[in-house]
PDB file of N, CA and C in Angstrom:
ATOM      1  N   UNK A   1     -74.976 -12.358 -12.844  1.00  0.00           N
ATOM      2  CA  UNK A   1     -73.815 -11.512 -12.656  1.00  0.00           C
ATOM      3  C   UNK A   1     -74.275 -10.054 -12.696  1.00  0.00           C
ATOM      4  N   UNK A   2     -73.928  -9.314 -11.686  1.00  0.00           N
ATOM      5  CA  UNK A   2     -74.367  -7.930 -11.560  1.00  0.00           C
ATOM      6  C   UNK A   2     -73.279  -6.985 -12.057  1.00  0.00           C
ATOM      7  N   UNK A   3     -73.593  -6.244 -13.109  1.00  0.00           N
ATOM      8  CA  UNK A   3     -72.646  -5.271 -13.635  1.00  0.00           C
ATOM      9  C   UNK A   3     -72.988  -3.897 -13.096  1.00  0.00           C
ATOM     10  N   UNK A   4     -71.975  -3.187 -12.643  1.00  0.00           N
ATOM     11  CA  UNK A   4     -72.199  -1.837 -12.149  1.00  0.00           C
ATOM     12  C   UNK A   4     -72.480  -0.879 -13.298  1.00  0.00           C
ATOM     13  N   UNK A   5     -71.804  -1.095 -14.429  1.00  0.00           N
ATOM     14  CA  UNK A   5     -72.031  -0.262 -15.613  1.00  0.00           C
ATOM     15  C   UNK A   5     -72.290  -1.199 -16.785  1.00  0.00           C
ATOM     16  N   UNK A   6     -73.551  -1.278 -17.220  1.00  0.00           N
ATOM     17  CA  UNK A   6     -73.864  -2.128 -18.365  1.00  0.00           C
ATOM     18  C   UNK A   6     -73.511  -1.391 -19.654  1.00  0.00           C
ATOM     19  N   UNK A   7     -73.659  -2.069 -20.783  1.00  0.00           N
ATOM     20  CA  UNK A   7     -73.241  -1.469 -22.054  1.00  0.00           C
ATOM     21  C   UNK A   7     -74.091  -0.258 -22.432  1.00  0.00           C
ATOM     22  N   UNK A   8     -75.368  -0.261 -22.081  1.00  0.00           N
ATOM     23  CA  UNK A   8     -76.232   0.885 -22.385  1.00  0.00           C
ATOM     24  C   UNK A   8     -75.808   2.112 -21.587  1.00  0.00           C
ATOM     25  N   UNK A   9     -75.592   1.926 -20.295  1.00  0.00           N
ATOM     26  CA  UNK A   9     -75.158   3.040 -19.453  1.00  0.00           C
ATOM     27  C   UNK A   9     -73.778   3.515 -19.880  1.00  0.00           C
ATOM     28  N   UNK A  10     -72.889   2.574 -20.181  1.00  0.00           N
ATOM     29  CA  UNK A  10     -71.547   2.938 -20.645  1.00  0.00           C
ATOM     30  C   UNK A  10     -71.596   3.749 -21.928  1.00  0.00           C
ATOM     31  N   UNK A  11     -72.454   3.334 -22.851  1.00  0.00           N
ATOM     32  CA  UNK A  11     -72.606   4.080 -24.099  1.00  0.00           C
ATOM     33  C   UNK A  11     -73.146   5.478 -23.868  1.00  0.00           C
ATOM     34  N   UNK A  12     -74.116   5.596 -22.962  1.00  0.00           N
ATOM     35  CA  UNK A  12     -74.668   6.918 -22.635  1.00  0.00           C
ATOM     36  C   UNK A  12     -73.601   7.801 -21.988  1.00  0.00           C
ATOM     37  N   UNK A  13     -72.803   7.210 -21.106  1.00  0.00           N
ATOM     38  CA  UNK A  13     -71.756   7.984 -20.443  1.00  0.00           C
ATOM     39  C   UNK A  13     -70.720   8.485 -21.453  1.00  0.00           C
ATOM     40  N   UNK A  14     -70.332   7.622 -22.375  1.00  0.00           N
ATOM     41  CA  UNK A  14     -69.362   8.030 -23.392  1.00  0.00           C
ATOM     42  C   UNK A  14     -69.969   9.088 -24.312  1.00  0.00           C
ATOM     43  N   UNK A  15     -71.252   8.959 -24.648  1.00  0.00           N
ATOM     44  CA  UNK A  15     -71.916   9.974 -25.467  1.00  0.00           C
ATOM     45  C   UNK A  15     -71.943  11.335 -24.797  1.00  0.00           C
ATOM     46  N   UNK A  16     -72.249  11.360 -23.508  1.00  0.00           N
ATOM     47  CA  UNK A  16     -72.261  12.626 -22.765  1.00  0.00           C
ATOM     48  C   UNK A  16     -70.840  13.184 -22.669  1.00  0.00           C
ATOM     49  N   UNK A  17     -69.860  12.304 -22.485  1.00  0.00           N
ATOM     50  CA  UNK A  17     -68.464  12.750 -22.424  1.00  0.00           C
ATOM     51  C   UNK A  17     -68.041  13.380 -23.751  1.00  0.00           C
ATOM     52  N   UNK A  18     -68.455  12.770 -24.857  1.00  0.00           N
ATOM     53  CA  UNK A  18     -68.156  13.351 -26.172  1.00  0.00           C
ATOM     54  C   UNK A  18     -68.798  14.724 -26.328  1.00  0.00           C
ATOM     55  N   UNK A  19     -70.003  14.877 -25.796  1.00  0.00           N
ATOM     56  CA  UNK A  19     -70.679  16.173 -25.846  1.00  0.00           C
ATOM     57  C   UNK A  19     -69.891  17.228 -25.066  1.00  0.00           C
ATOM     58  N   UNK A  20     -69.454  16.874 -23.856  1.00  0.00           N
ATOM     59  CA  UNK A  20     -68.640  17.805 -23.072  1.00  0.00           C
ATOM     60  C   UNK A  20     -67.357  18.173 -23.821  1.00  0.00           C
ATOM     61  N   UNK A  21     -66.704  17.180 -24.443  1.00  0.00           N
ATOM     62  CA  UNK A  21     -65.470  17.456 -25.178  1.00  0.00           C
ATOM     63  C   UNK A  21     -65.723  18.319 -26.414  1.00  0.00           C
ATOM     64  N   UNK A  22     -66.863  18.120 -27.074  1.00  0.00           N
ATOM     65  CA  UNK A  22     -67.202  18.945 -28.236  1.00  0.00           C
ATOM     66  C   UNK A  22     -67.429  20.397 -27.819  1.00  0.00           C
ATOM     67  N   UNK A  23     -68.111  20.592 -26.693  1.00  0.00           N
ATOM     68  CA  UNK A  23     -68.320  21.954 -26.180  1.00  0.00           C
ATOM     69  C   UNK A  23     -66.975  22.586 -25.847  1.00  0.00           C
ATOM     70  N   UNK A  24     -66.089  21.820 -25.202  1.00  0.00           N
ATOM     71  CA  UNK A  24     -64.758  22.337 -24.878  1.00  0.00           C
ATOM     72  C   UNK A  24     -63.993  22.730 -26.133  1.00  0.00           C
ATOM     73  N   UNK A  25     -64.055  21.895 -27.158  1.00  0.00           N
ATOM     74  CA  UNK A  25     -63.354  22.192 -28.407  1.00  0.00           C
ATOM     75  C   UNK A  25     -63.905  23.468 -29.042  1.00  0.00           C
ATOM     76  N   UNK A  26     -65.220  23.626 -29.028  1.00  0.00           N
ATOM     77  CA  UNK A  26     -65.822  24.841 -29.577  1.00  0.00           C
ATOM     78  C   UNK A  26     -65.447  26.084 -28.791  1.00  0.00           C
ATOM     79  N   UNK A  27     -65.412  25.964 -27.470  1.00  0.00           N
ATOM     80  CA  UNK A  27     -65.045  27.112 -26.635  1.00  0.00           C
ATOM     81  C   UNK A  27     -63.594  27.524 -26.842  1.00  0.00           C
ATOM     82  N   UNK A  28     -62.747  26.574 -27.180  1.00  0.00           N
ATOM     83  CA  UNK A  28     -61.338  26.898 -27.397  1.00  0.00           C
ATOM     84  C   UNK A  28     -61.118  27.771 -28.626  1.00  0.00           C
ATOM     85  N   UNK A  29     -62.114  27.869 -29.470  1.00  0.00           N
ATOM     86  CA  UNK A  29     -61.999  28.733 -30.643  1.00  0.00           C
ATOM     87  C   UNK A  29     -62.181  30.203 -30.286  1.00  0.00           C
ATOM     88  N   UNK A  30     -62.723  30.471 -29.104  1.00  0.00           N
ATOM     89  CA  UNK A  30     -62.914  31.847 -28.639  1.00  0.00           C
ATOM     90  C   UNK A  30     -61.658  32.258 -27.874  1.00  0.00           C
ATOM     91  N   UNK A  31     -60.966  33.294 -28.325  1.00  0.00           N
ATOM     92  CA  UNK A  31     -59.734  33.694 -27.630  1.00  0.00           C
ATOM     93  C   UNK A  31     -60.001  34.110 -26.176  1.00  0.00           C
ATOM     94  N   UNK A  32     -59.117  33.756 -25.303  1.00  0.00           N
ATOM     95  CA  UNK A  32     -59.067  34.059 -23.879  1.00  0.00           C
ATOM     96  C   UNK A  32     -60.324  33.629 -23.110  1.00  0.00           C
ATOM     97  N   UNK A  33     -61.465  34.224 -23.389  1.00  0.00           N
ATOM     98  CA  UNK A  33     -62.690  33.887 -22.667  1.00  0.00           C
ATOM     99  C   UNK A  33     -63.043  32.405 -22.855  1.00  0.00           C
ATOM    100  N   UNK A  34     -62.781  31.883 -24.036  1.00  0.00           N
ATOM    101  CA  UNK A  34     -63.047  30.477 -24.307  1.00  0.00           C
ATOM    102  C   UNK A  34     -62.224  29.555 -23.428  1.00  0.00           C
ATOM    103  N   UNK A  35     -60.981  29.950 -23.158  1.00  0.00           N
ATOM    104  CA  UNK A  35     -60.118  29.150 -22.278  1.00  0.00           C
ATOM    105  C   UNK A  35     -60.694  29.079 -20.869  1.00  0.00           C
ATOM    106  N   UNK A  36     -61.171  30.201 -20.380  1.00  0.00           N
ATOM    107  CA  UNK A  36     -61.748  30.258 -19.029  1.00  0.00           C
ATOM    108  C   UNK A  36     -63.031  29.426 -18.969  1.00  0.00           C
ATOM    109  N   UNK A  37     -63.893  29.609 -19.942  1.00  0.00           N
ATOM    110  CA  UNK A  37     -65.148  28.857 -19.975  1.00  0.00           C
ATOM    111  C   UNK A  37     -64.897  27.357 -20.150  1.00  0.00           C
ATOM    112  N   UNK A  38     -63.861  27.018 -20.904  1.00  0.00           N
ATOM    113  CA  UNK A  38     -63.517  25.620 -21.116  1.00  0.00           C
ATOM    114  C   UNK A  38     -63.121  24.936 -19.811  1.00  0.00           C
ATOM    115  N   UNK A  39     -62.386  25.639 -18.972  1.00  0.00           N
ATOM    116  CA  UNK A  39     -62.009  25.089 -17.664  1.00  0.00           C
ATOM    117  C   UNK A  39     -63.262  24.859 -16.820  1.00  0.00           C
ATOM    118  N   UNK A  40     -64.200  25.797 -16.862  1.00  0.00           N
ATOM    119  CA  UNK A  40     -65.442  25.640 -16.100  1.00  0.00           C
ATOM    120  C   UNK A  40     -66.261  24.445 -16.599  1.00  0.00           C
ATOM    121  N   UNK A  41     -66.313  24.270 -17.908  1.00  0.00           N
ATOM    122  CA  UNK A  41     -67.036  23.126 -18.477  1.00  0.00           C
ATOM    123  C   UNK A  41     -66.365  21.821 -18.046  1.00  0.00           C
ATOM    124  N   UNK A  42     -65.039  21.806 -18.016  1.00  0.00           N
ATOM    125  CA  UNK A  42     -64.317  20.600 -17.582  1.00  0.00           C
ATOM    126  C   UNK A  42     -64.615  20.268 -16.129  1.00  0.00           C
ATOM    127  N   UNK A  43     -64.675  21.279 -15.283  1.00  0.00           N
ATOM    128  CA  UNK A  43     -64.994  21.060 -13.872  1.00  0.00           C
ATOM    129  C   UNK A  43     -66.395  20.466 -13.738  1.00  0.00           C
ATOM    130  N   UNK A  44     -67.348  21.026 -14.477  1.00  0.00           N
ATOM    131  CA  UNK A  44     -68.718  20.502 -14.454  1.00  0.00           C
ATOM    132  C   UNK A  44     -68.738  19.056 -14.965  1.00  0.00           C
ATOM    133  N   UNK A  45     -67.967  18.778 -16.011  1.00  0.00           N
ATOM    134  CA  UNK A  45     -67.924  17.421 -16.571  1.00  0.00           C
ATOM    135  C   UNK A  45     -67.399  16.424 -15.545  1.00  0.00           C
ATOM    136  N   UNK A  46     -66.295  16.753 -14.886  1.00  0.00           N
ATOM    137  CA  UNK A  46     -65.726  15.811 -13.918  1.00  0.00           C
ATOM    138  C   UNK A  46     -66.627  15.645 -12.701  1.00  0.00           C
ATOM    139  N   UNK A  47     -67.298  16.696 -12.292  1.00  0.00           N
ATOM    140  CA  UNK A  47     -68.265  16.567 -11.186  1.00  0.00           C
ATOM    141  C   UNK A  47     -69.442  15.683 -11.607  1.00  0.00           C
ATOM    142  N   UNK A  48     -69.931  15.890 -12.822  1.00  0.00           N
ATOM    143  CA  UNK A  48     -71.045  15.096 -13.342  1.00  0.00           C
ATOM    144  C   UNK A  48     -70.689  13.612 -13.380  1.00  0.00           C
ATOM    145  N   UNK A  49     -69.536  13.301 -13.963  1.00  0.00           N
ATOM    146  CA  UNK A  49     -69.158  11.892 -14.083  1.00  0.00           C
ATOM    147  C   UNK A  49     -68.739  11.295 -12.750  1.00  0.00           C
ATOM    148  N   UNK A  50     -68.138  12.074 -11.889  1.00  0.00           N
ATOM    149  CA  UNK A  50     -67.811  11.577 -10.555  1.00  0.00           C
ATOM    150  C   UNK A  50     -69.069  11.142  -9.821  1.00  0.00           C
ATOM    151  N   UNK A  51     -70.104  11.984  -9.875  1.00  0.00           N
ATOM    152  CA  UNK A  51     -71.385  11.653  -9.246  1.00  0.00           C
ATOM    153  C   UNK A  51     -72.034  10.445  -9.923  1.00  0.00           C
ATOM    154  N   UNK A  52     -71.996  10.425 -11.254  1.00  0.00           N
ATOM    155  CA  UNK A  52     -72.608   9.334 -12.015  1.00  0.00           C
ATOM    156  C   UNK A  52     -71.942   7.999 -11.674  1.00  0.00           C
ATOM    157  N   UNK A  53     -70.613   7.987 -11.619  1.00  0.00           N
ATOM    158  CA  UNK A  53     -69.907   6.759 -11.246  1.00  0.00           C
ATOM    159  C   UNK A  53     -70.255   6.340  -9.823  1.00  0.00           C
ATOM    160  N   UNK A  54     -70.305   7.286  -8.912  1.00  0.00           N
ATOM    161  CA  UNK A  54     -70.645   6.954  -7.526  1.00  0.00           C
ATOM    162  C   UNK A  54     -72.059   6.381  -7.421  1.00  0.00           C
ATOM    163  N   UNK A  55     -73.005   6.931  -8.194  1.00  0.00           N
ATOM    164  CA  UNK A  55     -74.378   6.408  -8.203  1.00  0.00           C
ATOM    165  C   UNK A  55     -74.428   4.973  -8.736  1.00  0.00           C
ATOM    166  N   UNK A  56     -73.482   4.616  -9.594  1.00  0.00           N
ATOM    167  CA  UNK A  56     -73.436   3.262 -10.166  1.00  0.00           C
ATOM    168  C   UNK A  56     -72.605   2.313  -9.302  1.00  0.00           C
ATOM    169  N   UNK A  57     -72.134   2.793  -8.157  1.00  0.00           N
ATOM    170  CA  UNK A  57     -71.372   1.937  -7.247  1.00  0.00           C
ATOM    171  C   UNK A  57     -69.893   1.867  -7.544  1.00  0.00           C
ATOM    172  N   UNK A  58     -69.394   2.819  -8.322  1.00  0.00           N
ATOM    173  CA  UNK A  58     -67.971   2.856  -8.664  1.00  0.00           C
ATOM    174  C   UNK A  58     -67.321   3.963  -7.852  1.00  0.00           C
ATOM    175  N   UNK A  59     -66.527   3.567  -6.874  1.00  0.00           N
ATOM    176  CA  UNK A  59     -65.842   4.544  -6.031  1.00  0.00           C
ATOM    177  C   UNK A  59     -64.447   4.836  -6.555  1.00  0.00           C
ATOM    178  N   UNK A  60     -63.837   5.842  -5.991  1.00  0.00           N
ATOM    179  CA  UNK A  60     -62.498   6.230  -6.414  1.00  0.00           C
ATOM    180  C   UNK A  60     -61.480   6.055  -5.300  1.00  0.00           C
ATOM    181  N   UNK A  61     -61.792   5.174  -4.329  1.00  0.00           N
ATOM    182  CA  UNK A  61     -60.834   4.879  -3.267  1.00  0.00           C
ATOM    183  C   UNK A  61     -59.662   4.075  -3.831  1.00  0.00           C
ATOM    184  N   UNK A  62     -59.910   3.349  -4.909  1.00  0.00           N
ATOM    185  CA  UNK A  62     -58.857   2.605  -5.582  1.00  0.00           C
ATOM    186  C   UNK A  62     -57.977   3.605  -6.336  1.00  0.00           C
ATOM    187  N   UNK A  63     -56.689   3.717  -5.989  1.00  0.00           N
ATOM    188  CA  UNK A  63     -55.819   4.719  -6.619  1.00  0.00           C
ATOM    189  C   UNK A  63     -55.701   4.568  -8.131  1.00  0.00           C
ATOM    190  N   UNK A  64     -55.676   3.335  -8.636  1.00  0.00           N
ATOM    191  CA  UNK A  64     -55.541   3.159 -10.086  1.00  0.00           C
ATOM    192  C   UNK A  64     -56.763   3.690 -10.826  1.00  0.00           C
ATOM    193  N   UNK A  65     -57.935   3.456 -10.265  1.00  0.00           N
ATOM    194  CA  UNK A  65     -59.157   3.964 -10.895  1.00  0.00           C
ATOM    195  C   UNK A  65     -59.201   5.489 -10.813  1.00  0.00           C
ATOM    196  N   UNK A  66     -58.796   6.043  -9.673  1.00  0.00           N
ATOM    197  CA  UNK A  66     -58.796   7.498  -9.497  1.00  0.00           C
ATOM    198  C   UNK A  66     -57.817   8.161 -10.459  1.00  0.00           C
ATOM    199  N   UNK A  67     -56.622   7.582 -10.600  1.00  0.00           N
ATOM    200  CA  UNK A  67     -55.628   8.150 -11.517  1.00  0.00           C
ATOM    201  C   UNK A  67     -56.114   8.043 -12.957  1.00  0.00           C
ATOM    202  N   UNK A  68     -56.746   6.930 -13.297  1.00  0.00           N
ATOM    203  CA  UNK A  68     -57.267   6.752 -14.656  1.00  0.00           C
ATOM    204  C   UNK A  68     -58.316   7.809 -14.986  1.00  0.00           C
ATOM    205  N   UNK A  69     -59.240   8.038 -14.067  1.00  0.00           N
ATOM    206  CA  UNK A  69     -60.323   8.988 -14.329  1.00  0.00           C
ATOM    207  C   UNK A  69     -59.847  10.436 -14.214  1.00  0.00           C
ATOM    208  N   UNK A  70     -59.282  10.785 -13.071  1.00  0.00           N
ATOM    209  CA  UNK A  70     -58.915  12.184 -12.840  1.00  0.00           C
ATOM    210  C   UNK A  70     -57.606  12.569 -13.524  1.00  0.00           C
ATOM    211  N   UNK A  71     -56.794  11.581 -13.882  1.00  0.00           N
ATOM    212  CA  UNK A  71     -55.546  11.873 -14.585  1.00  0.00           C
ATOM    213  C   UNK A  71     -55.785  12.494 -15.948  1.00  0.00           C
ATOM    214  N   UNK A  72     -56.892  12.140 -16.562  1.00  0.00           N
ATOM    215  CA  UNK A  72     -57.212  12.750 -17.859  1.00  0.00           C
ATOM    216  C   UNK A  72     -57.538  14.233 -17.695  1.00  0.00           C
ATOM    217  N   UNK A  73     -57.806  14.651 -16.467  1.00  0.00           N
ATOM    218  CA  UNK A  73     -58.044  16.073 -16.195  1.00  0.00           C
ATOM    219  C   UNK A  73     -56.813  16.921 -16.432  1.00  0.00           C
ATOM    220  N   UNK A  74     -55.639  16.298 -16.406  1.00  0.00           N
ATOM    221  CA  UNK A  74     -54.400  17.025 -16.698  1.00  0.00           C
ATOM    222  C   UNK A  74     -54.453  17.555 -18.125  1.00  0.00           C
ATOM    223  N   UNK A  75     -54.969  16.736 -19.036  1.00  0.00           N
ATOM    224  CA  UNK A  75     -55.112  17.177 -20.428  1.00  0.00           C
ATOM    225  C   UNK A  75     -56.033  18.389 -20.496  1.00  0.00           C
ATOM    226  N   UNK A  76     -57.113  18.348 -19.733  1.00  0.00           N
ATOM    227  CA  UNK A  76     -58.093  19.434 -19.750  1.00  0.00           C
ATOM    228  C   UNK A  76     -57.559  20.710 -19.099  1.00  0.00           C
ATOM    229  N   UNK A  77     -56.563  20.591 -18.244  1.00  0.00           N
ATOM    230  CA  UNK A  77     -56.041  21.758 -17.540  1.00  0.00           C
ATOM    231  C   UNK A  77     -55.019  22.533 -18.367  1.00  0.00           C
ATOM    232  N   UNK A  78     -54.460  21.924 -19.392  1.00  0.00           N
ATOM    233  CA  UNK A  78     -53.456  22.585 -20.224  1.00  0.00           C
ATOM    234  C   UNK A  78     -54.181  23.292 -21.363  1.00  0.00           C
ATOM    235  N   UNK A  79     -54.016  24.623 -21.462  1.00  0.00           N
ATOM    236  CA  UNK A  79     -54.820  25.419 -22.396  1.00  0.00           C
ATOM    237  C   UNK A  79     -54.899  24.918 -23.834  1.00  0.00           C
ATOM    238  N   UNK A  80     -53.824  24.560 -24.467  1.00  0.00           N
ATOM    239  CA  UNK A  80     -53.901  24.160 -25.870  1.00  0.00           C
ATOM    240  C   UNK A  80     -54.323  22.694 -26.007  1.00  0.00           C
ATOM    241  N   UNK A  81     -53.896  21.865 -25.069  1.00  0.00           N
ATOM    242  CA  UNK A  81     -54.214  20.438 -25.141  1.00  0.00           C
ATOM    243  C   UNK A  81     -55.654  20.113 -24.767  1.00  0.00           C
ATOM    244  N   UNK A  82     -56.351  21.056 -24.134  1.00  0.00           N
ATOM    245  CA  UNK A  82     -57.710  20.732 -23.699  1.00  0.00           C
ATOM    246  C   UNK A  82     -58.700  20.627 -24.855  1.00  0.00           C
ATOM    247  N   UNK A  83     -58.229  20.813 -26.074  1.00  0.00           N
ATOM    248  CA  UNK A  83     -59.085  20.559 -27.229  1.00  0.00           C
ATOM    249  C   UNK A  83     -59.187  19.047 -27.494  1.00  0.00           C
ATOM    250  N   UNK A  84     -58.240  18.272 -26.935  1.00  0.00           N
ATOM    251  CA  UNK A  84     -58.274  16.815 -27.058  1.00  0.00           C
ATOM    252  C   UNK A  84     -59.406  16.244 -26.199  1.00  0.00           C
ATOM    253  N   UNK A  85     -59.923  15.081 -26.554  1.00  0.00           N
ATOM    254  CA  UNK A  85     -61.055  14.511 -25.800  1.00  0.00           C
ATOM    255  C   UNK A  85     -60.630  13.844 -24.484  1.00  0.00           C
ATOM    256  N   UNK A  86     -60.137  14.620 -23.551  1.00  0.00           N
ATOM    257  CA  UNK A  86     -59.658  14.098 -22.269  1.00  0.00           C
ATOM    258  C   UNK A  86     -60.758  13.518 -21.410  1.00  0.00           C
ATOM    259  N   UNK A  87     -61.901  14.169 -21.381  1.00  0.00           N
ATOM    260  CA  UNK A  87     -63.023  13.668 -20.572  1.00  0.00           C
ATOM    261  C   UNK A  87     -63.466  12.307 -21.105  1.00  0.00           C
ATOM    262  N   UNK A  88     -63.604  12.200 -22.407  1.00  0.00           N
ATOM    263  CA  UNK A  88     -64.026  10.943 -23.024  1.00  0.00           C
ATOM    264  C   UNK A  88     -63.008   9.840 -22.755  1.00  0.00           C
ATOM    265  N   UNK A  89     -61.739  10.166 -22.843  1.00  0.00           N
ATOM    266  CA  UNK A  89     -60.688   9.185 -22.576  1.00  0.00           C
ATOM    267  C   UNK A  89     -60.773   8.672 -21.141  1.00  0.00           C
ATOM    268  N   UNK A  90     -60.895   9.582 -20.189  1.00  0.00           N
ATOM    269  CA  UNK A  90     -60.985   9.184 -18.784  1.00  0.00           C
ATOM    270  C   UNK A  90     -62.216   8.342 -18.490  1.00  0.00           C
ATOM    271  N   UNK A  91     -63.345   8.741 -19.042  1.00  0.00           N
ATOM    272  CA  UNK A  91     -64.597   8.004 -18.823  1.00  0.00           C
ATOM    273  C   UNK A  91     -64.526   6.622 -19.470  1.00  0.00           C
ATOM    274  N   UNK A  92     -64.051   6.553 -20.713  1.00  0.00           N
ATOM    275  CA  UNK A  92     -63.984   5.270 -21.421  1.00  0.00           C
ATOM    276  C   UNK A  92     -63.039   4.291 -20.718  1.00  0.00           C
ATOM    277  N   UNK A  93     -61.886   4.770 -20.273  1.00  0.00           N
ATOM    278  CA  UNK A  93     -60.944   3.889 -19.574  1.00  0.00           C
ATOM    279  C   UNK A  93     -61.507   3.414 -18.240  1.00  0.00           C
ATOM    280  N   UNK A  94     -62.187   4.301 -17.531  1.00  0.00           N
ATOM    281  CA  UNK A  94     -62.783   3.918 -16.247  1.00  0.00           C
ATOM    282  C   UNK A  94     -63.886   2.885 -16.456  1.00  0.00           C
ATOM    283  N   UNK A  95     -64.724   3.087 -17.467  1.00  0.00           N
ATOM    284  CA  UNK A  95     -65.786   2.122 -17.774  1.00  0.00           C
ATOM    285  C   UNK A  95     -65.179   0.766 -18.127  1.00  0.00           C
ATOM    286  N   UNK A  96     -64.146   0.771 -18.971  1.00  0.00           N
ATOM    287  CA  UNK A  96     -63.502  -0.484 -19.365  1.00  0.00           C
ATOM    288  C   UNK A  96     -62.926  -1.205 -18.149  1.00  0.00           C
ATOM    289  N   UNK A  97     -62.302  -0.456 -17.253  1.00  0.00           N
ATOM    290  CA  UNK A  97     -61.716  -1.047 -16.053  1.00  0.00           C
ATOM    291  C   UNK A  97     -62.796  -1.665 -15.161  1.00  0.00           C
ATOM    292  N   UNK A  98     -63.898  -0.950 -14.970  1.00  0.00           N
ATOM    293  CA  UNK A  98     -64.983  -1.437 -14.114  1.00  0.00           C
ATOM    294  C   UNK A  98     -65.647  -2.664 -14.733  1.00  0.00           C
ATOM    295  N   UNK A  99     -65.895  -2.637 -16.033  1.00  0.00           N
ATOM    296  CA  UNK A  99     -66.516  -3.791 -16.684  1.00  0.00           C
ATOM    297  C   UNK A  99     -65.610  -5.015 -16.635  1.00  0.00           C
ATOM    298  N   UNK A 100     -64.302  -4.807 -16.759  1.00  0.00           N
ATOM    299  CA  UNK A 100     -63.357  -5.914 -16.647  1.00  0.00           C
ATOM    300  C   UNK A 100     -63.372  -6.496 -15.235  1.00  0.00           C
ATOM    301  N   UNK A 101     -63.401  -5.617 -14.236  1.00  0.00           N
ATOM    302  CA  UNK A 101     -63.488  -6.079 -12.844  1.00  0.00           C
ATOM    303  C   UNK A 101     -64.759  -6.898 -12.628  1.00  0.00           C
ATOM    304  N   UNK A 102     -65.879  -6.418 -13.156  1.00  0.00           N
ATOM    305  CA  UNK A 102     -67.160  -7.099 -12.961  1.00  0.00           C
ATOM    306  C   UNK A 102     -67.210  -8.449 -13.679  1.00  0.00           C
ATOM    307  N   UNK A 103     -66.640  -8.533 -14.880  1.00  0.00           N
ATOM    308  CA  UNK A 103     -66.688  -9.783 -15.644  1.00  0.00           C
ATOM    309  C   UNK A 103     -65.763 -10.839 -15.062  1.00  0.00           C
ATOM    310  N   UNK A 104     -64.584 -10.426 -14.632  1.00  0.00           N
ATOM    311  CA  UNK A 104     -63.606 -11.404 -14.148  1.00  0.00           C
ATOM    312  C   UNK A 104     -63.706 -11.648 -12.651  1.00  0.00           C
ATOM    313  N   UNK A 105     -64.281 -10.708 -11.935  1.00  0.00           N
ATOM    314  CA  UNK A 105     -64.339 -10.821 -10.482  1.00  0.00           C
ATOM    315  C   UNK A 105     -63.039 -10.421  -9.817  1.00  0.00           C
ATOM    316  N   UNK A 106     -62.076  -9.994 -10.634  1.00  0.00           N
ATOM    317  CA  UNK A 106     -60.774  -9.579 -10.106  1.00  0.00           C
ATOM    318  C   UNK A 106     -60.786  -8.071  -9.927  1.00  0.00           C
ATOM    319  N   UNK A 107     -60.518  -7.626  -8.718  1.00  0.00           N
ATOM    320  CA  UNK A 107     -60.462  -6.194  -8.441  1.00  0.00           C
ATOM    321  C   UNK A 107     -59.053  -5.689  -8.720  1.00  0.00           C
ATOM    322  N   UNK A 108     -58.958  -4.448  -9.197  1.00  0.00           N
ATOM    323  CA  UNK A 108     -57.653  -3.846  -9.413  1.00  0.00           C
ATOM    324  C   UNK A 108     -56.952  -3.703  -8.066  1.00  0.00           C
ATOM    325  N   UNK A 109     -55.634  -3.898  -8.039  1.00  0.00           N
ATOM    326  CA  UNK A 109     -54.925  -3.761  -6.764  1.00  0.00           C
ATOM    327  C   UNK A 109     -55.065  -2.363  -6.187  1.00  0.00           C
ATOM    328  N   UNK A 110     -55.104  -2.283  -4.865  1.00  0.00           N
ATOM    329  CA  UNK A 110     -55.296  -0.997  -4.203  1.00  0.00           C
ATOM    330  C   UNK A 110     -54.017  -0.184  -4.137  1.00  0.00           C
ATOM    331  N   UNK A 111     -52.854  -0.825  -4.254  1.00  0.00           N
ATOM    332  CA  UNK A 111     -51.586  -0.095  -4.177  1.00  0.00           C
ATOM    333  C   UNK A 111     -51.150   0.324  -5.565  1.00  0.00           C
ATOM    334  N   UNK A 112     -50.564   1.511  -5.642  1.00  0.00           N
ATOM    335  CA  UNK A 112     -50.085   2.010  -6.928  1.00  0.00           C
ATOM    336  C   UNK A 112     -48.652   1.597  -7.113  1.00  0.00           C
TER     337      UNK A 112
END
């Protein structure tokens, strides 16, 4: 059985996501400039994980997977709420969804 994201890769992805969220939380302590830098870090995080998922064979043509991953970006876009671990939440849910698809052989429906 071929898994697109094994447990080691999933753990590494979640660890990197936690690092991005920790940097965001620290930047939020800096008035005004921290908010701007935090948005830039979030953009880099989503680009990094988008590329990483694509390299592992996980596309975002499926609307449910795209909403799960990029929907957590809404948390990151709101100035006070972006201290929450939105990147980690999006990455962890996407990994769980992909691993479930791989184990069961059932793909998530394409329609939302």
